[in-house]
N, C-alpha and C. Protein backbone atom coordinates (compact mmCIF):
# COMPACT_ATOMS: atom_id res chain seq x y z
N UNK A 1 244.74 -74.27 111.18
CA UNK A 1 245.82 -74.82 110.36
C UNK A 1 245.40 -76.18 109.81
N UNK A 2 245.75 -76.38 108.55
CA UNK A 2 245.47 -77.66 107.91
C UNK A 2 246.75 -78.14 107.21
N UNK A 3 247.67 -78.78 107.94
CA UNK A 3 248.99 -79.11 107.38
C UNK A 3 248.95 -80.07 106.19
N UNK A 4 247.88 -80.84 106.04
CA UNK A 4 247.82 -81.76 104.90
C UNK A 4 247.39 -81.06 103.62
N UNK A 5 246.97 -79.79 103.72
CA UNK A 5 246.47 -79.06 102.56
C UNK A 5 247.42 -78.00 102.03
N UNK A 6 248.51 -77.70 102.73
CA UNK A 6 249.39 -76.61 102.33
C UNK A 6 250.85 -77.04 102.30
N UNK A 7 251.59 -76.39 101.42
CA UNK A 7 253.03 -76.60 101.32
C UNK A 7 253.66 -75.26 101.00
N UNK A 8 254.71 -74.90 101.67
CA UNK A 8 255.39 -73.63 101.43
C UNK A 8 256.85 -73.91 101.14
N UNK A 9 257.37 -73.28 100.09
CA UNK A 9 258.74 -73.52 99.70
C UNK A 9 259.36 -72.20 99.28
N UNK A 10 260.40 -71.77 99.95
CA UNK A 10 261.07 -70.53 99.61
C UNK A 10 262.28 -70.80 98.74
N UNK A 11 262.40 -70.07 97.66
CA UNK A 11 263.50 -70.27 96.72
C UNK A 11 264.04 -68.92 96.23
N UNK A 12 265.15 -68.99 95.52
CA UNK A 12 265.64 -67.79 94.85
C UNK A 12 264.79 -67.56 93.60
N UNK A 13 265.11 -66.53 92.87
CA UNK A 13 264.34 -66.17 91.68
C UNK A 13 264.47 -67.19 90.54
N UNK A 14 265.46 -68.09 90.58
CA UNK A 14 265.76 -68.95 89.43
C UNK A 14 264.61 -69.89 89.04
N UNK A 15 263.93 -70.48 90.00
CA UNK A 15 262.85 -71.42 89.67
C UNK A 15 261.66 -70.70 89.06
N UNK A 16 261.13 -69.61 89.67
CA UNK A 16 260.01 -68.92 89.02
C UNK A 16 260.40 -68.33 87.66
N UNK A 17 261.66 -67.91 87.50
CA UNK A 17 262.11 -67.39 86.21
C UNK A 17 262.11 -68.51 85.17
N UNK A 18 262.63 -69.67 85.54
CA UNK A 18 262.68 -70.82 84.63
C UNK A 18 261.30 -71.24 84.14
N UNK A 19 260.31 -71.22 85.03
CA UNK A 19 258.96 -71.67 84.68
C UNK A 19 258.05 -70.54 84.20
N UNK A 20 258.61 -69.36 83.97
CA UNK A 20 257.83 -68.27 83.41
C UNK A 20 256.90 -67.57 84.39
N UNK A 21 257.10 -67.79 85.68
CA UNK A 21 256.28 -67.12 86.69
C UNK A 21 256.81 -65.74 87.02
N UNK A 22 258.03 -65.46 86.57
CA UNK A 22 258.69 -64.18 86.82
C UNK A 22 259.36 -63.75 85.53
N UNK A 23 259.19 -62.49 85.17
CA UNK A 23 259.77 -61.93 83.97
C UNK A 23 261.18 -61.42 84.26
N UNK A 24 262.16 -61.78 83.42
CA UNK A 24 263.55 -61.39 83.68
C UNK A 24 263.72 -59.86 83.65
N UNK A 25 263.02 -59.18 82.76
CA UNK A 25 263.14 -57.72 82.70
C UNK A 25 262.64 -57.08 84.00
N UNK A 26 261.55 -57.59 84.54
CA UNK A 26 261.02 -57.09 85.80
C UNK A 26 262.02 -57.32 86.93
N UNK A 27 262.62 -58.50 86.95
CA UNK A 27 263.62 -58.83 87.96
C UNK A 27 264.81 -57.88 87.88
N UNK A 28 265.30 -57.63 86.67
CA UNK A 28 266.46 -56.75 86.50
C UNK A 28 266.10 -55.30 86.85
N UNK A 29 264.88 -54.88 86.51
CA UNK A 29 264.44 -53.54 86.91
C UNK A 29 264.47 -53.40 88.43
N UNK A 30 264.00 -54.44 89.11
CA UNK A 30 264.00 -54.42 90.58
C UNK A 30 265.43 -54.39 91.10
N UNK A 31 266.30 -55.23 90.53
CA UNK A 31 267.67 -55.33 91.02
C UNK A 31 268.42 -54.01 90.91
N UNK A 32 268.21 -53.29 89.83
CA UNK A 32 268.96 -52.07 89.61
C UNK A 32 268.19 -50.80 89.98
N UNK A 33 267.04 -50.98 90.61
CA UNK A 33 266.26 -49.83 91.07
C UNK A 33 266.99 -49.13 92.20
N UNK A 34 266.88 -47.80 92.25
CA UNK A 34 267.53 -47.07 93.35
C UNK A 34 266.74 -47.18 94.65
N UNK A 35 265.61 -47.88 94.63
CA UNK A 35 264.83 -48.07 95.86
C UNK A 35 265.08 -49.43 96.51
N UNK A 36 265.89 -50.27 95.86
CA UNK A 36 266.18 -51.62 96.39
C UNK A 36 267.68 -51.74 96.61
N UNK A 37 268.09 -51.98 97.85
CA UNK A 37 269.51 -52.13 98.14
C UNK A 37 269.98 -53.52 97.72
N UNK A 38 271.29 -53.68 97.58
CA UNK A 38 271.86 -55.00 97.24
C UNK A 38 271.51 -56.04 98.31
N UNK A 39 271.58 -55.63 99.59
CA UNK A 39 271.22 -56.56 100.67
C UNK A 39 269.77 -56.98 100.58
N UNK A 40 268.89 -56.03 100.29
CA UNK A 40 267.47 -56.34 100.18
C UNK A 40 267.21 -57.28 99.01
N UNK A 41 267.84 -57.01 97.87
CA UNK A 41 267.67 -57.88 96.70
C UNK A 41 268.21 -59.28 97.02
N UNK A 42 269.34 -59.35 97.70
CA UNK A 42 269.93 -60.65 98.06
C UNK A 42 268.97 -61.45 98.94
N UNK A 43 268.34 -60.79 99.92
CA UNK A 43 267.41 -61.49 100.81
C UNK A 43 266.15 -61.91 100.07
N UNK A 44 265.54 -60.98 99.33
CA UNK A 44 264.23 -61.21 98.74
C UNK A 44 264.27 -62.05 97.47
N UNK A 45 265.30 -61.92 96.67
CA UNK A 45 265.31 -62.60 95.37
C UNK A 45 266.35 -63.70 95.26
N UNK A 46 267.42 -63.61 96.02
CA UNK A 46 268.48 -64.62 95.94
C UNK A 46 268.46 -65.59 97.12
N UNK A 47 267.58 -65.34 98.10
CA UNK A 47 267.50 -66.17 99.30
C UNK A 47 268.82 -66.23 100.05
N UNK A 48 269.50 -65.10 100.12
CA UNK A 48 270.78 -65.00 100.84
C UNK A 48 270.55 -64.17 102.10
N UNK A 49 270.83 -64.76 103.25
CA UNK A 49 270.69 -64.04 104.52
C UNK A 49 271.85 -63.07 104.64
N UNK A 50 271.54 -61.82 104.87
CA UNK A 50 272.59 -60.81 104.95
C UNK A 50 272.52 -60.01 106.24
N UNK A 51 271.80 -60.52 107.22
CA UNK A 51 271.69 -59.81 108.49
C UNK A 51 270.43 -58.97 108.54
N UNK A 52 270.33 -58.17 109.57
CA UNK A 52 269.15 -57.33 109.76
C UNK A 52 269.17 -56.11 108.86
N UNK A 53 267.99 -55.69 108.47
CA UNK A 53 267.90 -54.39 107.81
C UNK A 53 267.87 -53.33 108.91
N UNK A 54 268.12 -52.09 108.54
CA UNK A 54 268.12 -51.03 109.55
C UNK A 54 266.74 -50.81 110.15
N UNK A 55 265.68 -51.28 109.45
CA UNK A 55 264.32 -51.10 109.93
C UNK A 55 263.77 -52.32 110.66
N UNK A 56 264.60 -53.33 110.90
CA UNK A 56 264.14 -54.56 111.53
C UNK A 56 263.64 -54.30 112.95
N UNK A 57 262.58 -54.98 113.32
CA UNK A 57 262.04 -54.86 114.68
C UNK A 57 262.94 -55.57 115.68
N UNK A 58 263.55 -56.66 115.25
CA UNK A 58 264.39 -57.46 116.15
C UNK A 58 265.83 -57.44 115.66
N UNK A 59 266.75 -57.46 116.58
CA UNK A 59 268.16 -57.58 116.26
C UNK A 59 268.52 -59.06 116.38
N UNK A 60 268.82 -59.71 115.26
CA UNK A 60 269.05 -61.16 115.27
C UNK A 60 270.25 -61.54 116.13
N UNK A 61 271.28 -60.71 116.18
CA UNK A 61 272.44 -61.03 117.02
C UNK A 61 272.04 -61.09 118.49
N UNK A 62 271.24 -60.13 118.91
CA UNK A 62 270.78 -60.10 120.31
C UNK A 62 269.84 -61.27 120.59
N UNK A 63 268.95 -61.55 119.64
CA UNK A 63 268.01 -62.66 119.80
C UNK A 63 268.75 -64.00 119.88
N UNK A 64 269.70 -64.23 118.98
CA UNK A 64 270.44 -65.50 118.97
C UNK A 64 271.23 -65.73 120.25
N UNK A 65 271.68 -64.66 120.87
CA UNK A 65 272.45 -64.77 122.11
C UNK A 65 271.60 -65.38 123.23
N UNK A 66 270.29 -65.21 123.16
CA UNK A 66 269.39 -65.67 124.22
C UNK A 66 268.60 -66.92 123.86
N UNK A 67 268.86 -67.50 122.70
CA UNK A 67 268.13 -68.70 122.29
C UNK A 67 268.65 -69.91 123.05
N UNK A 68 267.76 -70.79 123.40
CA UNK A 68 268.17 -72.04 124.05
C UNK A 68 267.16 -73.12 123.69
N UNK A 69 267.64 -74.33 123.65
CA UNK A 69 266.80 -75.47 123.34
C UNK A 69 266.29 -76.04 124.66
N UNK A 70 264.97 -75.94 124.88
CA UNK A 70 264.39 -76.38 126.14
C UNK A 70 264.19 -77.89 126.17
N UNK A 71 263.81 -78.48 125.04
CA UNK A 71 263.57 -79.91 124.99
C UNK A 71 263.88 -80.40 123.59
N UNK A 72 264.71 -81.40 123.50
CA UNK A 72 265.09 -81.94 122.21
C UNK A 72 264.45 -83.31 122.02
N UNK A 73 263.77 -83.49 120.91
CA UNK A 73 263.19 -84.80 120.58
C UNK A 73 264.02 -85.41 119.47
N UNK A 74 264.49 -86.61 119.65
CA UNK A 74 265.35 -87.27 118.66
C UNK A 74 264.58 -88.02 117.59
N UNK A 75 263.28 -88.23 117.79
CA UNK A 75 262.45 -88.88 116.78
C UNK A 75 261.01 -88.41 116.96
N UNK A 76 260.22 -88.61 115.92
CA UNK A 76 258.82 -88.19 115.96
C UNK A 76 258.07 -88.95 117.04
N UNK A 77 257.16 -88.27 117.70
CA UNK A 77 256.34 -88.93 118.72
C UNK A 77 255.44 -89.96 118.06
N UNK A 78 255.26 -91.09 118.72
CA UNK A 78 254.41 -92.16 118.19
C UNK A 78 252.93 -91.80 118.25
N UNK A 79 252.55 -91.09 119.26
CA UNK A 79 251.12 -90.74 119.41
C UNK A 79 250.99 -89.25 119.72
N UNK A 80 250.77 -88.47 118.67
CA UNK A 80 250.58 -87.03 118.83
C UNK A 80 249.16 -86.74 119.27
N UNK A 81 248.97 -85.69 120.05
CA UNK A 81 247.61 -85.29 120.42
C UNK A 81 246.82 -84.90 119.16
N UNK A 82 245.51 -84.90 119.24
CA UNK A 82 244.67 -84.53 118.10
C UNK A 82 245.05 -83.15 117.59
N UNK A 83 245.19 -83.05 116.27
CA UNK A 83 245.50 -81.77 115.63
C UNK A 83 246.97 -81.40 115.62
N UNK A 84 247.83 -82.16 116.30
CA UNK A 84 249.26 -81.85 116.35
C UNK A 84 249.93 -82.33 115.07
N UNK A 85 251.00 -81.63 114.68
CA UNK A 85 251.74 -82.01 113.49
C UNK A 85 253.15 -81.41 113.56
N UNK A 86 253.99 -81.81 112.63
CA UNK A 86 255.35 -81.30 112.55
C UNK A 86 255.51 -80.41 111.33
N UNK A 87 256.32 -79.37 111.45
CA UNK A 87 256.74 -78.54 110.33
C UNK A 87 258.23 -78.76 110.17
N UNK A 88 258.66 -79.05 108.95
CA UNK A 88 260.08 -79.25 108.68
C UNK A 88 260.52 -78.16 107.71
N UNK A 89 261.60 -77.48 108.03
CA UNK A 89 262.13 -76.43 107.18
C UNK A 89 263.61 -76.60 106.98
N UNK A 90 264.10 -76.19 105.82
CA UNK A 90 265.54 -76.27 105.55
C UNK A 90 265.96 -75.06 104.72
N UNK A 91 267.08 -74.50 105.07
CA UNK A 91 267.68 -73.41 104.31
C UNK A 91 269.01 -73.96 103.82
N UNK A 92 269.06 -74.34 102.53
CA UNK A 92 270.22 -75.02 101.98
C UNK A 92 271.30 -74.00 101.62
N UNK A 93 272.50 -74.22 102.16
CA UNK A 93 273.63 -73.34 101.86
C UNK A 93 274.26 -73.76 100.55
N UNK A 94 274.68 -72.77 99.79
CA UNK A 94 275.37 -73.08 98.53
C UNK A 94 276.82 -73.47 98.78
N UNK A 95 277.43 -72.89 99.79
CA UNK A 95 278.85 -73.14 100.06
C UNK A 95 279.04 -73.45 101.54
N UNK A 96 279.99 -74.30 101.85
CA UNK A 96 280.32 -74.57 103.24
C UNK A 96 279.26 -75.40 103.94
N UNK A 97 279.33 -75.40 105.23
CA UNK A 97 278.42 -76.20 106.05
C UNK A 97 277.43 -75.31 106.76
N UNK A 98 276.77 -74.41 106.05
CA UNK A 98 275.86 -73.47 106.67
C UNK A 98 274.40 -73.79 106.45
N UNK A 99 274.09 -75.02 106.01
CA UNK A 99 272.70 -75.41 105.84
C UNK A 99 272.04 -75.51 107.21
N UNK A 100 270.85 -74.94 107.32
CA UNK A 100 270.11 -74.97 108.58
C UNK A 100 268.84 -75.79 108.40
N UNK A 101 268.57 -76.67 109.35
CA UNK A 101 267.37 -77.50 109.32
C UNK A 101 266.62 -77.28 110.62
N UNK A 102 265.30 -77.13 110.51
CA UNK A 102 264.52 -76.99 111.73
C UNK A 102 263.31 -77.92 111.66
N UNK A 103 262.97 -78.47 112.79
CA UNK A 103 261.77 -79.29 112.93
C UNK A 103 260.99 -78.70 114.10
N UNK A 104 259.75 -78.36 113.83
CA UNK A 104 258.92 -77.73 114.86
C UNK A 104 257.70 -78.60 115.09
N UNK A 105 257.46 -78.97 116.33
CA UNK A 105 256.24 -79.69 116.68
C UNK A 105 255.18 -78.67 117.03
N UNK A 106 254.06 -78.74 116.35
CA UNK A 106 252.97 -77.79 116.56
C UNK A 106 251.88 -78.48 117.37
N UNK A 107 251.56 -77.91 118.51
CA UNK A 107 250.49 -78.41 119.37
C UNK A 107 249.43 -77.33 119.46
N UNK A 108 248.46 -77.33 118.54
CA UNK A 108 247.45 -76.27 118.51
C UNK A 108 246.68 -76.19 119.83
N UNK A 109 246.39 -74.98 120.20
CA UNK A 109 245.59 -74.73 121.41
C UNK A 109 244.64 -73.59 121.15
N UNK A 110 244.01 -73.14 122.19
CA UNK A 110 243.04 -72.04 122.03
C UNK A 110 243.75 -70.74 121.73
């Protein structure tokens, strides 16, 4: 991993459409295709979480029931071990208070 060399950003279709990276006709063909469900289109193109698909390996409701925070850090460590870094992610909600933010400390090992 080289955290200073990569950046990942997940968005809905609007940004790539605006900048010409996605063709609107192709997007509409996908949306109205009989092989793509509304839930699937919402997840993949609109960035809307709609729950598990029927083919999901994990059941998110069951997984969330068993999640627990083992150690909470309120600020970044002053001296990280060599190769360690933080990943920050955010899923911004359009309505209500459903924005999710995560901070993950990565401690690479063998």
